[in-house]
Amino acid sequence: RVGRRTAYLIGEVAMILALFIFFIAFIIFNVEQGEWNSDTERYERDNLFGEREKSPFTSVFITLWFSVITATTVGYGDMSPTTIPGRI
């Protein structure tokens, strides 16, 4: 009986955590995507030094990958947010 209740609670926590990570990934994607540059045909954003660069957050799925890696504290360092809302 205890195992069933525990499994149910673990499932609830996992579902809430997954929804939270999807929500955060969607927010980061919208904040960090940048503007579309039709000359270079890519999304660009300002980096921390005010220079234009290609945005690594090109899709929600890539941003979801970033969110999962960051939440698990692996943090490969291949992507990082540069805007104030993205860094918070």
PDB file of N, CA and C in Angstrom:
ATOM      1  N   ARG A   1       0.808  -1.194   0.000  1.00  0.00           N
ATOM      2  CA  ARG A   1       0.000   0.000   0.000  1.00  0.00           C
ATOM      3  C   ARG A   1       0.852   1.258   0.000  1.00  0.00           C
ATOM      4  N   VAL A   2       1.913   1.246   0.765  1.00  0.00           N
ATOM      5  CA  VAL A   2       2.771   2.434   0.836  1.00  0.00           C
ATOM      6  C   VAL A   2       3.428   2.689  -0.515  1.00  0.00           C
ATOM      7  N   GLY A   3       3.824   1.640  -1.194  1.00  0.00           N
ATOM      8  CA  GLY A   3       4.460   1.772  -2.500  1.00  0.00           C
ATOM      9  C   GLY A   3       3.558   2.416  -3.530  1.00  0.00           C
ATOM     10  N   ARG A   4       2.276   2.064  -3.495  1.00  0.00           N
ATOM     11  CA  ARG A   4       1.325   2.658  -4.445  1.00  0.00           C
ATOM     12  C   ARG A   4       1.135   4.151  -4.177  1.00  0.00           C
ATOM     13  N   ARG A   5       1.000   4.501  -2.917  1.00  0.00           N
ATOM     14  CA  ARG A   5       0.827   5.920  -2.579  1.00  0.00           C
ATOM     15  C   ARG A   5       2.086   6.718  -2.933  1.00  0.00           C
ATOM     16  N   THR A   6       3.224   6.134  -2.669  1.00  0.00           N
ATOM     17  CA  THR A   6       4.482   6.812  -2.984  1.00  0.00           C
ATOM     18  C   THR A   6       4.635   6.987  -4.489  1.00  0.00           C
ATOM     19  N   ALA A   7       4.320   5.956  -5.253  1.00  0.00           N
ATOM     20  CA  ALA A   7       4.419   6.050  -6.707  1.00  0.00           C
ATOM     21  C   ALA A   7       3.477   7.122  -7.251  1.00  0.00           C
ATOM     22  N   TYR A   8       2.286   7.216  -6.686  1.00  0.00           N
ATOM     23  CA  TYR A   8       1.329   8.235  -7.110  1.00  0.00           C
ATOM     24  C   TYR A   8       1.868   9.637  -6.819  1.00  0.00           C
ATOM     25  N   LEU A   9       2.444   9.842  -5.653  1.00  0.00           N
ATOM     26  CA  LEU A   9       2.989  11.148  -5.295  1.00  0.00           C
ATOM     27  C   LEU A   9       4.208  11.498  -6.146  1.00  0.00           C
ATOM     28  N   ILE A  10       5.053  10.525  -6.404  1.00  0.00           N
ATOM     29  CA  ILE A  10       6.218  10.768  -7.270  1.00  0.00           C
ATOM     30  C   ILE A  10       5.750  11.150  -8.668  1.00  0.00           C
ATOM     31  N   GLY A  11       4.708  10.500  -9.159  1.00  0.00           N
ATOM     32  CA  GLY A  11       4.145  10.850 -10.463  1.00  0.00           C
ATOM     33  C   GLY A  11       3.602  12.266 -10.491  1.00  0.00           C
ATOM     34  N   GLU A  12       2.926  12.666  -9.412  1.00  0.00           N
ATOM     35  CA  GLU A  12       2.411  14.034  -9.338  1.00  0.00           C
ATOM     36  C   GLU A  12       3.536  15.059  -9.338  1.00  0.00           C
ATOM     37  N   VAL A  13       4.554  14.806  -8.555  1.00  0.00           N
ATOM     38  CA  VAL A  13       5.690  15.731  -8.499  1.00  0.00           C
ATOM     39  C   VAL A  13       6.386  15.795  -9.852  1.00  0.00           C
ATOM     40  N   ALA A  14       6.557  14.662 -10.515  1.00  0.00           N
ATOM     41  CA  ALA A  14       7.200  14.640 -11.834  1.00  0.00           C
ATOM     42  C   ALA A  14       6.380  15.418 -12.856  1.00  0.00           C
ATOM     43  N   MET A  15       5.047  15.297 -12.791  1.00  0.00           N
ATOM     44  CA  MET A  15       4.193  16.017 -13.727  1.00  0.00           C
ATOM     45  C   MET A  15       4.271  17.524 -13.480  1.00  0.00           C
ATOM     46  N   ILE A  16       4.231  17.933 -12.245  1.00  0.00           N
ATOM     47  CA  ILE A  16       4.332  19.363 -11.915  1.00  0.00           C
ATOM     48  C   ILE A  16       5.689  19.909 -12.347  1.00  0.00           C
ATOM     49  N   LEU A  17       6.746  19.153 -12.113  1.00  0.00           N
ATOM     50  CA  LEU A  17       8.090  19.581 -12.515  1.00  0.00           C
ATOM     51  C   LEU A  17       8.203  19.693 -14.033  1.00  0.00           C
ATOM     52  N   ALA A  18       7.634  18.735 -14.756  1.00  0.00           N
ATOM     53  CA  ALA A  18       7.677  18.774 -16.220  1.00  0.00           C
ATOM     54  C   ALA A  18       6.909  19.987 -16.750  1.00  0.00           C
ATOM     55  N   LEU A  19       5.734  20.256 -16.191  1.00  0.00           N
ATOM     56  CA  LEU A  19       4.968  21.427 -16.622  1.00  0.00           C
ATOM     57  C   LEU A  19       5.710  22.724 -16.324  1.00  0.00           C
ATOM     58  N   PHE A  20       6.359  22.780 -15.175  1.00  0.00           N
ATOM     59  CA  PHE A  20       7.131  23.966 -14.814  1.00  0.00           C
ATOM     60  C   PHE A  20       8.292  24.171 -15.783  1.00  0.00           C
ATOM     61  N   ILE A  21       8.987  23.104 -16.141  1.00  0.00           N
ATOM     62  CA  ILE A  21      10.119  23.220 -17.070  1.00  0.00           C
ATOM     63  C   ILE A  21       9.629  23.638 -18.454  1.00  0.00           C
ATOM     64  N   PHE A  22       8.494  23.091 -18.915  1.00  0.00           N
ATOM     65  CA  PHE A  22       7.928  23.530 -20.197  1.00  0.00           C
ATOM     66  C   PHE A  22       7.567  25.013 -20.153  1.00  0.00           C
ATOM     67  N   PHE A  23       6.971  25.457 -19.078  1.00  0.00           N
ATOM     68  CA  PHE A  23       6.578  26.856 -18.926  1.00  0.00           C
ATOM     69  C   PHE A  23       7.799  27.771 -18.959  1.00  0.00           C
ATOM     70  N   ILE A  24       8.837  27.419 -18.212  1.00  0.00           N
ATOM     71  CA  ILE A  24      10.069  28.217 -18.189  1.00  0.00           C
ATOM     72  C   ILE A  24      10.738  28.225 -19.566  1.00  0.00           C
ATOM     73  N   ALA A  25      10.754  27.074 -20.233  1.00  0.00           N
ATOM     74  CA  ALA A  25      11.362  27.003 -21.565  1.00  0.00           C
ATOM     75  C   ALA A  25      10.626  27.913 -22.546  1.00  0.00           C
ATOM     76  N   PHE A  26       9.308  27.948 -22.465  1.00  0.00           N
ATOM     77  CA  PHE A  26       8.531  28.806 -23.355  1.00  0.00           C
ATOM     78  C   PHE A  26       8.819  30.277 -23.091  1.00  0.00           C
ATOM     79  N   ILE A  27       8.934  30.655 -21.830  1.00  0.00           N
ATOM     80  CA  ILE A  27       9.245  32.046 -21.492  1.00  0.00           C
ATOM     81  C   ILE A  27      10.643  32.417 -21.977  1.00  0.00           C
ATOM     82  N   ILE A  28      11.622  31.561 -21.721  1.00  0.00           N
ATOM     83  CA  ILE A  28      12.994  31.843 -22.159  1.00  0.00           C
ATOM     84  C   ILE A  28      13.058  31.946 -23.677  1.00  0.00           C
ATOM     85  N   PHE A  29      12.351  31.067 -24.377  1.00  0.00           N
ATOM     86  CA  PHE A  29      12.345  31.118 -25.837  1.00  0.00           C
ATOM     87  C   PHE A  29      11.817  32.460 -26.330  1.00  0.00           C
ATOM     88  N   ASN A  30      10.722  32.925 -25.762  1.00  0.00           N
ATOM     89  CA  ASN A  30      10.141  34.199 -26.204  1.00  0.00           C
ATOM     90  C   ASN A  30      11.012  35.394 -25.849  1.00  0.00           C
ATOM     91  N   VAL A  31      11.710  35.335 -24.738  1.00  0.00           N
ATOM     92  CA  VAL A  31      12.538  36.458 -24.305  1.00  0.00           C
ATOM     93  C   VAL A  31      13.879  36.468 -25.038  1.00  0.00           C
ATOM     94  N   GLU A  32      14.487  35.302 -25.247  1.00  0.00           N
ATOM     95  CA  GLU A  32      15.847  35.227 -25.776  1.00  0.00           C
ATOM     96  C   GLU A  32      15.939  34.998 -27.277  1.00  0.00           C
ATOM     97  N   GLN A  33      14.833  34.788 -27.936  1.00  0.00           N
ATOM     98  CA  GLN A  33      14.884  34.482 -29.361  1.00  0.00           C
ATOM     99  C   GLN A  33      15.505  35.610 -30.175  1.00  0.00           C
ATOM    100  N   GLY A  34      15.199  36.833 -29.861  1.00  0.00           N
ATOM    101  CA  GLY A  34      15.732  37.967 -30.601  1.00  0.00           C
ATOM    102  C   GLY A  34      14.837  38.333 -31.770  1.00  0.00           C
ATOM    103  N   GLU A  35      15.387  39.095 -32.701  1.00  0.00           N
ATOM    104  CA  GLU A  35      14.642  39.545 -33.869  1.00  0.00           C
ATOM    105  C   GLU A  35      15.152  38.830 -35.105  1.00  0.00           C
ATOM    106  N   TRP A  36      14.252  38.631 -36.044  1.00  0.00           N
ATOM    107  CA  TRP A  36      14.604  37.990 -37.308  1.00  0.00           C
ATOM    108  C   TRP A  36      15.350  38.981 -38.191  1.00  0.00           C
ATOM    109  N   ASN A  37      16.515  38.579 -38.682  1.00  0.00           N
ATOM    110  CA  ASN A  37      17.296  39.396 -39.607  1.00  0.00           C
ATOM    111  C   ASN A  37      17.138  38.778 -40.986  1.00  0.00           C
ATOM    112  N   SER A  38      16.441  39.469 -41.881  1.00  0.00           N
ATOM    113  CA  SER A  38      16.183  38.905 -43.202  1.00  0.00           C
ATOM    114  C   SER A  38      17.434  38.876 -44.080  1.00  0.00           C
ATOM    115  N   ASP A  39      18.431  39.703 -43.763  1.00  0.00           N
ATOM    116  CA  ASP A  39      19.670  39.684 -44.545  1.00  0.00           C
ATOM    117  C   ASP A  39      20.472  38.407 -44.286  1.00  0.00           C
ATOM    118  N   THR A  40      20.579  38.027 -43.020  1.00  0.00           N
ATOM    119  CA  THR A  40      21.336  36.819 -42.674  1.00  0.00           C
ATOM    120  C   THR A  40      20.432  35.598 -42.519  1.00  0.00           C
ATOM    121  N   GLU A  41      19.117  35.814 -42.550  1.00  0.00           N
ATOM    122  CA  GLU A  41      18.104  34.762 -42.411  1.00  0.00           C
ATOM    123  C   GLU A  41      18.289  33.939 -41.139  1.00  0.00           C
ATOM    124  N   ARG A  42      18.378  34.659 -40.029  1.00  0.00           N
ATOM    125  CA  ARG A  42      18.496  34.017 -38.723  1.00  0.00           C
ATOM    126  C   ARG A  42      18.025  34.979 -37.641  1.00  0.00           C
ATOM    127  N   TYR A  43      17.765  34.419 -36.457  1.00  0.00           N
ATOM    128  CA  TYR A  43      17.403  35.248 -35.319  1.00  0.00           C
ATOM    129  C   TYR A  43      18.677  35.787 -34.679  1.00  0.00           C
ATOM    130  N   GLU A  44      18.678  37.072 -34.368  1.00  0.00           N
ATOM    131  CA  GLU A  44      19.834  37.694 -33.737  1.00  0.00           C
ATOM    132  C   GLU A  44      19.394  38.418 -32.476  1.00  0.00           C
ATOM    133  N   ARG A  45      20.309  38.514 -31.531  1.00  0.00           N
ATOM    134  CA  ARG A  45      20.047  39.197 -30.269  1.00  0.00           C
ATOM    135  C   ARG A  45      21.305  39.946 -29.861  1.00  0.00           C
ATOM    136  N   ASP A  46      21.161  40.841 -28.904  1.00  0.00           N
ATOM    137  CA  ASP A  46      22.314  41.550 -28.364  1.00  0.00           C
ATOM    138  C   ASP A  46      22.952  40.689 -27.281  1.00  0.00           C
ATOM    139  N   ASN A  47      24.286  40.580 -27.318  1.00  0.00           N
ATOM    140  CA  ASN A  47      24.960  39.849 -26.249  1.00  0.00           C
ATOM    141  C   ASN A  47      25.208  40.786 -25.073  1.00  0.00           C
ATOM    142  N   LEU A  48      25.933  40.328 -24.081  1.00  0.00           N
ATOM    143  CA  LEU A  48      26.156  41.132 -22.879  1.00  0.00           C
ATOM    144  C   LEU A  48      26.952  42.401 -23.139  1.00  0.00           C
ATOM    145  N   PHE A  49      27.677  42.442 -24.261  1.00  0.00           N
ATOM    146  CA  PHE A  49      28.483  43.612 -24.592  1.00  0.00           C
ATOM    147  C   PHE A  49      27.789  44.527 -25.589  1.00  0.00           C
ATOM    148  N   GLY A  50      26.523  44.233 -25.907  1.00  0.00           N
ATOM    149  CA  GLY A  50      25.759  45.061 -26.826  1.00  0.00           C
ATOM    150  C   GLY A  50      25.994  44.763 -28.287  1.00  0.00           C
ATOM    151  N   GLU A  51      26.721  43.712 -28.599  1.00  0.00           N
ATOM    152  CA  GLU A  51      26.986  43.341 -29.985  1.00  0.00           C
ATOM    153  C   GLU A  51      25.938  42.344 -30.458  1.00  0.00           C
ATOM    154  N   ARG A  52      25.621  42.383 -31.749  1.00  0.00           N
ATOM    155  CA  ARG A  52      24.647  41.453 -32.316  1.00  0.00           C
ATOM    156  C   ARG A  52      25.285  40.086 -32.502  1.00  0.00           C
ATOM    157  N   GLU A  53      24.539  39.043 -32.165  1.00  0.00           N
ATOM    158  CA  GLU A  53      25.021  37.675 -32.344  1.00  0.00           C
ATOM    159  C   GLU A  53      23.840  36.782 -32.706  1.00  0.00           C
ATOM    160  N   LYS A  54      24.142  35.619 -33.266  1.00  0.00           N
ATOM    161  CA  LYS A  54      23.108  34.642 -33.592  1.00  0.00           C
ATOM    162  C   LYS A  54      22.539  34.087 -32.294  1.00  0.00           C
ATOM    163  N   SER A  55      21.231  34.014 -32.216  1.00  0.00           N
ATOM    164  CA  SER A  55      20.585  33.481 -31.023  1.00  0.00           C
ATOM    165  C   SER A  55      20.645  31.961 -31.030  1.00  0.00           C
ATOM    166  N   PRO A  56      21.129  31.344 -29.946  1.00  0.00           N
ATOM    167  CA  PRO A  56      21.131  29.881 -29.891  1.00  0.00           C
ATOM    168  C   PRO A  56      19.745  29.309 -29.613  1.00  0.00           C
ATOM    169  N   PHE A  57      18.810  30.142 -29.169  1.00  0.00           N
ATOM    170  CA  PHE A  57      17.458  29.695 -28.839  1.00  0.00           C
ATOM    171  C   PHE A  57      16.574  29.818 -30.077  1.00  0.00           C
ATOM    172  N   THR A  58      16.734  28.904 -31.013  1.00  0.00           N
ATOM    173  CA  THR A  58      16.039  28.993 -32.294  1.00  0.00           C
ATOM    174  C   THR A  58      14.723  28.234 -32.324  1.00  0.00           C
ATOM    175  N   SER A  59      14.459  27.382 -31.341  1.00  0.00           N
ATOM    176  CA  SER A  59      13.184  26.670 -31.277  1.00  0.00           C
ATOM    177  C   SER A  59      12.832  26.389 -29.820  1.00  0.00           C
ATOM    178  N   VAL A  60      11.576  26.068 -29.598  1.00  0.00           N
ATOM    179  CA  VAL A  60      11.135  25.752 -28.242  1.00  0.00           C
ATOM    180  C   VAL A  60      11.814  24.472 -27.758  1.00  0.00           C
ATOM    181  N   PHE A  61      12.058  23.526 -28.646  1.00  0.00           N
ATOM    182  CA  PHE A  61      12.675  22.263 -28.245  1.00  0.00           C
ATOM    183  C   PHE A  61      14.135  22.448 -27.824  1.00  0.00           C
ATOM    184  N   ILE A  62      14.849  23.312 -28.517  1.00  0.00           N
ATOM    185  CA  ILE A  62      16.232  23.609 -28.114  1.00  0.00           C
ATOM    186  C   ILE A  62      16.229  24.325 -26.767  1.00  0.00           C
ATOM    187  N   THR A  63      15.276  25.216 -26.569  1.00  0.00           N
ATOM    188  CA  THR A  63      15.162  25.917 -25.298  1.00  0.00           C
ATOM    189  C   THR A  63      14.739  24.953 -24.189  1.00  0.00           C
ATOM    190  N   LEU A  64      13.910  23.970 -24.518  1.00  0.00           N
ATOM    191  CA  LEU A  64      13.537  22.943 -23.544  1.00  0.00           C
ATOM    192  C   LEU A  64      14.771  22.143 -23.130  1.00  0.00           C
ATOM    193  N   TRP A  65      15.619  21.812 -24.093  1.00  0.00           N
ATOM    194  CA  TRP A  65      16.878  21.130 -23.790  1.00  0.00           C
ATOM    195  C   TRP A  65      17.719  21.975 -22.826  1.00  0.00           C
ATOM    196  N   PHE A  66      17.837  23.259 -23.094  1.00  0.00           N
ATOM    197  CA  PHE A  66      18.577  24.159 -22.225  1.00  0.00           C
ATOM    198  C   PHE A  66      17.976  24.163 -20.822  1.00  0.00           C
ATOM    199  N   SER A  67      16.648  24.202 -20.723  1.00  0.00           N
ATOM    200  CA  SER A  67      15.987  24.233 -19.417  1.00  0.00           C
ATOM    201  C   SER A  67      16.235  22.957 -18.622  1.00  0.00           C
ATOM    202  N   VAL A  68      16.155  21.817 -19.277  1.00  0.00           N
ATOM    203  CA  VAL A  68      16.387  20.541 -18.584  1.00  0.00           C
ATOM    204  C   VAL A  68      17.833  20.437 -18.124  1.00  0.00           C
ATOM    205  N   ILE A  69      18.772  20.795 -18.985  1.00  0.00           N
ATOM    206  CA  ILE A  69      20.188  20.719 -18.627  1.00  0.00           C
ATOM    207  C   ILE A  69      20.504  21.684 -17.494  1.00  0.00           C
ATOM    208  N   THR A  70      19.906  22.865 -17.516  1.00  0.00           N
ATOM    209  CA  THR A  70      20.132  23.831 -16.447  1.00  0.00           C
ATOM    210  C   THR A  70      19.493  23.365 -15.146  1.00  0.00           C
ATOM    211  N   ALA A  71      18.289  22.817 -15.214  1.00  0.00           N
ATOM    212  CA  ALA A  71      17.590  22.362 -14.008  1.00  0.00           C
ATOM    213  C   ALA A  71      18.310  21.190 -13.345  1.00  0.00           C
ATOM    214  N   THR A  72      18.960  20.363 -14.138  1.00  0.00           N
ATOM    215  CA  THR A  72      19.698  19.228 -13.565  1.00  0.00           C
ATOM    216  C   THR A  72      21.123  19.609 -13.179  1.00  0.00           C
ATOM    217  N   THR A  73      21.454  20.867 -13.284  1.00  0.00           N
ATOM    218  CA  THR A  73      22.755  21.460 -12.934  1.00  0.00           C
ATOM    219  C   THR A  73      23.928  20.865 -13.706  1.00  0.00           C
ATOM    220  N   VAL A  74      23.657  20.274 -14.863  1.00  0.00           N
ATOM    221  CA  VAL A  74      24.758  19.808 -15.717  1.00  0.00           C
ATOM    222  C   VAL A  74      25.424  21.020 -16.351  1.00  0.00           C
ATOM    223  N   GLY A  75      24.629  21.878 -16.990  1.00  0.00           N
ATOM    224  CA  GLY A  75      25.094  23.150 -17.525  1.00  0.00           C
ATOM    225  C   GLY A  75      26.297  23.056 -18.428  1.00  0.00           C
ATOM    226  N   TYR A  76      26.107  22.589 -19.660  1.00  0.00           N
ATOM    227  CA  TYR A  76      27.212  22.444 -20.600  1.00  0.00           C
ATOM    228  C   TYR A  76      27.862  23.768 -20.966  1.00  0.00           C
ATOM    229  N   GLY A  77      27.132  24.874 -20.861  1.00  0.00           N
ATOM    230  CA  GLY A  77      27.691  26.181 -21.175  1.00  0.00           C
ATOM    231  C   GLY A  77      27.640  26.543 -22.634  1.00  0.00           C
ATOM    232  N   ASP A  78      26.950  25.758 -23.457  1.00  0.00           N
ATOM    233  CA  ASP A  78      26.874  26.054 -24.884  1.00  0.00           C
ATOM    234  C   ASP A  78      25.860  27.145 -25.193  1.00  0.00           C
ATOM    235  N   MET A  79      24.920  27.390 -24.286  1.00  0.00           N
ATOM    236  CA  MET A  79      23.928  28.456 -24.454  1.00  0.00           C
ATOM    237  C   MET A  79      23.775  29.185 -23.135  1.00  0.00           C
ATOM    238  N   SER A  80      23.536  30.479 -23.231  1.00  0.00           N
ATOM    239  CA  SER A  80      23.263  31.239 -22.011  1.00  0.00           C
ATOM    240  C   SER A  80      22.397  32.431 -22.371  1.00  0.00           C
ATOM    241  N   PRO A  81      21.440  32.756 -21.510  1.00  0.00           N
ATOM    242  CA  PRO A  81      20.599  33.926 -21.768  1.00  0.00           C
ATOM    243  C   PRO A  81      21.379  35.218 -21.558  1.00  0.00           C
ATOM    244  N   THR A  82      21.018  36.258 -22.318  1.00  0.00           N
ATOM    245  CA  THR A  82      21.717  37.532 -22.203  1.00  0.00           C
ATOM    246  C   THR A  82      20.803  38.672 -21.777  1.00  0.00           C
ATOM    247  N   THR A  83      19.488  38.498 -21.909  1.00  0.00           N
ATOM    248  CA  THR A  83      18.590  39.572 -21.494  1.00  0.00           C
ATOM    249  C   THR A  83      18.348  39.485 -19.983  1.00  0.00           C
ATOM    250  N   ILE A  84      17.911  40.600 -19.403  1.00  0.00           N
ATOM    251  CA  ILE A  84      17.642  40.636 -17.971  1.00  0.00           C
ATOM    252  C   ILE A  84      16.544  39.634 -17.584  1.00  0.00           C
ATOM    253  N   PRO A  85      15.381  39.594 -18.287  1.00  0.00           N
ATOM    254  CA  PRO A  85      14.374  38.600 -17.902  1.00  0.00           C
ATOM    255  C   PRO A  85      14.859  37.161 -18.102  1.00  0.00           C
ATOM    256  N   GLY A  86      15.661  36.938 -19.123  1.00  0.00           N
ATOM    257  CA  GLY A  86      16.180  35.589 -19.356  1.00  0.00           C
ATOM    258  C   GLY A  86      17.159  35.136 -18.290  1.00  0.00           C
ATOM    259  N   ARG A  87      17.912  36.066 -17.763  1.00  0.00           N
ATOM    260  CA  ARG A  87      18.895  35.708 -16.733  1.00  0.00           C
ATOM    261  C   ARG A  87      18.253  35.498 -15.376  1.00  0.00           C
ATOM    262  N   ILE A  88      17.090  36.110 -15.163  1.00  0.00           N
ATOM    263  CA  ILE A  88      16.405  35.935 -13.873  1.00  0.00           C
ATOM    264  C   ILE A  88      15.811  34.556 -13.843  1.00  0.00           C
TER     265      ILE A  88
END
